[in-house]
Amino acid sequence: MKVIPTAIAEVLLIEPKVFGDARGFFFESFNQQAFNEATGLNVHFVQDNHSRSAKGVLRGLHYQIQQPQGKLVRVVRGAVFDVAVDVRKSSPSLGKWVGVELTEDNYRQVWIPPGFAHGFLVLSDSADFLYKTTDYYAPQFERCIAWNDPALGIEWPIQTAPSLSIKDQAGVTLRDAELFQ
């Protein structure tokens, strides 16, 4: 596995070793020991999630103010533009973001540590998105920052308004958000 640093040091792009031939491919999508050695982290995942979304759906930017979740995310079908935003009040990179394209063909994964808001935009006709989390979903602690907050300036690869859930339509600006300590 290859770990590639991003513009925010704590957010990591991970490329697994993929073995393929005319018959198909094989790769280890997760190995705790290899992950810990390659990243220098010692995380424990407690929940796996799988979502399917249509083209133009934007989910996010979500985070939990308590019981924060670290996330290891990947796409198994389709393509998304995946974004992590630093929402740690004491961080020098507060409000900065990292965006990467995750596809079924590039096999890439992104490690998003606790203290980051996360969202993604579906670029393909549909996408199946998987993520492992380091803590359980706690809806009472979930918060949402507006995907189009001008203070963040996220460069979403989109031409028209995205399809948003009611929860995501109610996202607040970073300035008005309850931030992670």
Protein backbone atom coordinates (compact mmCIF):
# COMPACT_ATOMS: atom_id res chain seq x y z
CA MET A 1 0.00 0.00 0.00
CA LYS A 2 1.20 3.47 -0.88
CA VAL A 3 0.33 6.44 1.34
CA ILE A 4 0.31 9.83 -0.39
CA PRO A 5 0.23 13.02 1.69
CA THR A 6 -2.31 15.70 0.80
CA ALA A 7 -2.30 19.47 1.30
CA ILE A 8 -3.55 18.82 4.85
CA ALA A 9 -1.05 16.48 6.52
CA GLU A 10 -3.59 14.46 8.51
CA VAL A 11 -5.72 13.60 5.45
CA LEU A 12 -4.10 10.70 3.61
CA LEU A 13 -4.62 9.30 0.13
CA ILE A 14 -4.08 5.55 0.07
CA GLU A 15 -3.36 3.46 -3.01
CA PRO A 16 -3.55 -0.29 -2.47
CA LYS A 17 -1.48 -2.77 -4.46
CA VAL A 18 -3.79 -4.16 -7.12
CA PHE A 19 -2.99 -7.45 -8.85
CA GLY A 20 -4.78 -7.84 -12.15
CA ASP A 21 -4.77 -9.72 -15.41
CA ALA A 22 -7.23 -10.64 -18.16
CA ARG A 23 -9.35 -12.54 -15.61
CA GLY A 24 -9.91 -9.55 -13.30
CA PHE A 25 -8.19 -8.16 -10.22
CA PHE A 26 -7.47 -8.73 -6.53
CA PHE A 27 -6.43 -6.36 -3.76
CA GLU A 28 -6.59 -6.21 0.01
CA SER A 29 -9.09 -3.44 0.63
CA PHE A 30 -8.14 -3.30 4.31
CA ASN A 31 -5.51 -4.90 6.52
CA GLN A 32 -5.25 -3.43 10.03
CA GLN A 33 -1.54 -4.18 10.45
CA ALA A 34 -0.57 -2.88 7.00
CA PHE A 35 -2.73 0.24 7.48
CA ASN A 36 -1.16 1.03 10.85
CA GLU A 37 2.40 0.47 9.56
CA ALA A 38 1.91 2.49 6.37
CA THR A 39 0.11 5.44 8.00
CA GLY A 40 1.74 5.50 11.43
CA LEU A 41 -1.76 5.50 12.93
CA ASN A 42 -3.34 3.13 15.39
CA VAL A 43 -7.06 3.35 14.70
CA HIS A 44 -9.83 0.89 15.41
CA PHE A 45 -12.85 0.72 13.11
CA VAL A 46 -16.25 -0.10 14.62
CA GLN A 47 -18.72 0.39 11.76
CA ASP A 48 -18.86 -0.11 7.99
CA ASN A 49 -21.31 1.87 5.84
CA HIS A 50 -22.38 1.56 2.21
CA SER A 51 -24.32 4.17 0.26
CA ARG A 52 -25.53 4.29 -3.32
CA SER A 53 -26.25 7.64 -4.90
CA ALA A 54 -27.28 8.92 -8.32
CA LYS A 55 -25.32 11.34 -10.50
CA GLY A 56 -25.34 14.88 -9.14
CA VAL A 57 -26.09 13.86 -5.55
CA LEU A 58 -23.96 15.75 -3.06
CA ARG A 59 -23.78 14.38 0.49
CA GLY A 60 -22.23 16.56 3.16
CA LEU A 61 -20.42 18.25 4.63
CA HIS A 62 -21.01 16.09 7.74
CA TYR A 63 -19.19 15.62 11.04
CA GLN A 64 -19.99 14.71 14.63
CA ILE A 65 -19.19 17.26 17.33
CA GLN A 66 -19.02 14.48 19.95
CA GLN A 67 -18.12 10.87 19.21
CA PRO A 68 -16.14 12.15 16.21
CA GLN A 69 -15.61 9.64 13.45
CA GLY A 70 -12.42 9.00 11.58
CA LYS A 71 -13.35 7.59 8.16
CA LEU A 72 -11.60 5.42 5.62
CA VAL A 73 -13.58 5.91 2.40
CA ARG A 74 -13.58 4.38 -1.08
CA VAL A 75 -15.74 3.86 -4.16
CA VAL A 76 -16.52 0.36 -5.43
CA ARG A 77 -18.76 1.41 -8.33
CA GLY A 78 -18.74 4.70 -10.19
CA ALA A 79 -16.87 7.90 -9.40
CA VAL A 80 -17.10 10.68 -6.81
CA PHE A 81 -15.31 13.88 -5.90
CA ASP A 82 -14.53 13.41 -2.20
CA VAL A 83 -13.87 16.34 0.16
CA ALA A 84 -12.51 16.69 3.69
CA VAL A 85 -12.69 20.06 5.50
CA ASP A 86 -10.75 20.79 8.69
CA VAL A 87 -13.24 21.91 11.37
CA ARG A 88 -10.85 21.77 14.35
CA LYS A 89 -11.05 25.10 16.14
CA SER A 90 -7.38 25.05 17.22
CA SER A 91 -5.98 23.86 13.87
CA PRO A 92 -3.79 26.08 11.66
CA SER A 93 -5.64 24.55 8.69
CA LEU A 94 -9.14 25.35 10.03
CA GLY A 95 -11.46 25.84 7.04
CA LYS A 96 -8.99 24.38 4.53
CA TRP A 97 -10.14 21.51 2.34
CA VAL A 98 -8.76 18.63 0.31
CA GLY A 99 -10.61 17.11 -2.64
CA VAL A 100 -9.78 13.94 -4.57
CA GLU A 101 -11.51 11.84 -7.20
CA LEU A 102 -12.25 8.31 -6.07
CA THR A 103 -13.31 5.79 -8.70
CA GLU A 104 -13.89 2.09 -9.11
CA ASP A 105 -10.90 2.08 -11.47
CA ASN A 106 -8.31 3.95 -9.38
CA TYR A 107 -9.02 1.93 -6.18
CA ARG A 108 -7.92 4.89 -4.06
CA GLN A 109 -9.02 5.39 -0.49
CA VAL A 110 -8.94 8.48 1.71
CA TRP A 111 -8.29 8.57 5.46
CA ILE A 112 -10.29 11.42 6.99
CA PRO A 113 -9.42 11.85 10.68
CA PRO A 114 -11.80 12.92 13.46
CA GLY A 115 -12.28 16.68 13.43
CA PHE A 116 -12.95 16.91 9.70
CA ALA A 117 -16.23 17.45 7.88
CA HIS A 118 -16.73 15.11 4.96
CA GLY A 119 -18.76 15.18 1.77
CA PHE A 120 -18.81 13.85 -1.75
CA LEU A 121 -20.36 14.59 -5.13
CA VAL A 122 -21.33 11.74 -7.47
CA LEU A 123 -19.77 12.20 -10.91
CA SER A 124 -20.90 8.96 -12.60
CA ASP A 125 -24.45 7.77 -13.36
CA SER A 126 -24.44 6.29 -9.86
CA ALA A 127 -21.84 5.40 -7.25
CA ASP A 128 -21.47 2.89 -4.45
CA PHE A 129 -19.49 4.47 -1.62
CA LEU A 130 -18.03 2.50 1.30
CA TYR A 131 -16.63 3.84 4.52
CA LYS A 132 -15.24 2.44 7.72
CA THR A 133 -15.68 4.60 10.84
CA THR A 134 -13.82 4.78 14.14
CA ASP A 135 -16.93 5.57 16.18
CA TYR A 136 -20.62 4.85 15.93
CA TYR A 137 -23.10 7.13 14.20
CA ALA A 138 -24.66 9.48 16.76
CA PRO A 139 -27.32 11.61 15.05
CA GLN A 140 -27.71 13.90 18.08
CA PHE A 141 -24.08 15.04 17.58
CA GLU A 142 -24.12 15.29 13.78
CA ARG A 143 -23.57 18.70 12.24
CA CYS A 144 -23.61 19.89 8.64
CA ILE A 145 -21.71 22.70 6.95
CA ALA A 146 -23.09 24.09 3.70
CA TRP A 147 -21.44 22.51 0.69
CA ASN A 148 -21.26 25.91 -1.03
CA ASP A 149 -20.02 28.07 1.86
CA PRO A 150 -18.07 30.83 0.06
CA ALA A 151 -15.60 31.01 2.95
CA LEU A 152 -14.51 27.44 2.14
CA GLY A 153 -14.35 27.97 -1.62
CA ILE A 154 -14.58 24.27 -2.46
CA GLU A 155 -14.09 23.76 -6.18
CA TRP A 156 -16.79 21.16 -6.78
CA PRO A 157 -16.68 19.81 -10.37
CA ILE A 158 -20.31 20.67 -11.02
CA GLN A 159 -22.20 22.70 -13.64
CA THR A 160 -25.70 22.66 -12.13
CA ALA A 161 -27.16 22.66 -8.65
CA PRO A 162 -26.57 19.32 -6.90
CA SER A 163 -29.26 17.08 -5.50
CA LEU A 164 -29.28 17.55 -1.70
CA SER A 165 -31.10 15.97 1.21
CA ILE A 166 -33.24 18.21 3.42
CA LYS A 167 -30.55 17.90 6.10
CA ASP A 168 -27.84 19.04 3.68
CA GLN A 169 -29.98 21.93 2.42
CA ALA A 170 -29.98 23.20 6.02
CA GLY A 171 -26.18 23.21 6.31
CA VAL A 172 -24.69 26.29 7.96
CA THR A 173 -21.61 28.31 7.12
CA LEU A 174 -18.31 27.48 8.77
CA ARG A 175 -18.56 30.80 10.60
CA ASP A 176 -21.86 29.76 12.18
CA ALA A 177 -20.96 26.10 12.73
CA GLU A 178 -20.25 24.44 16.03
CA LEU A 179 -16.61 23.49 15.61
CA PHE A 180 -14.67 20.50 16.83
CA GLN A 181 -12.30 21.24 19.74
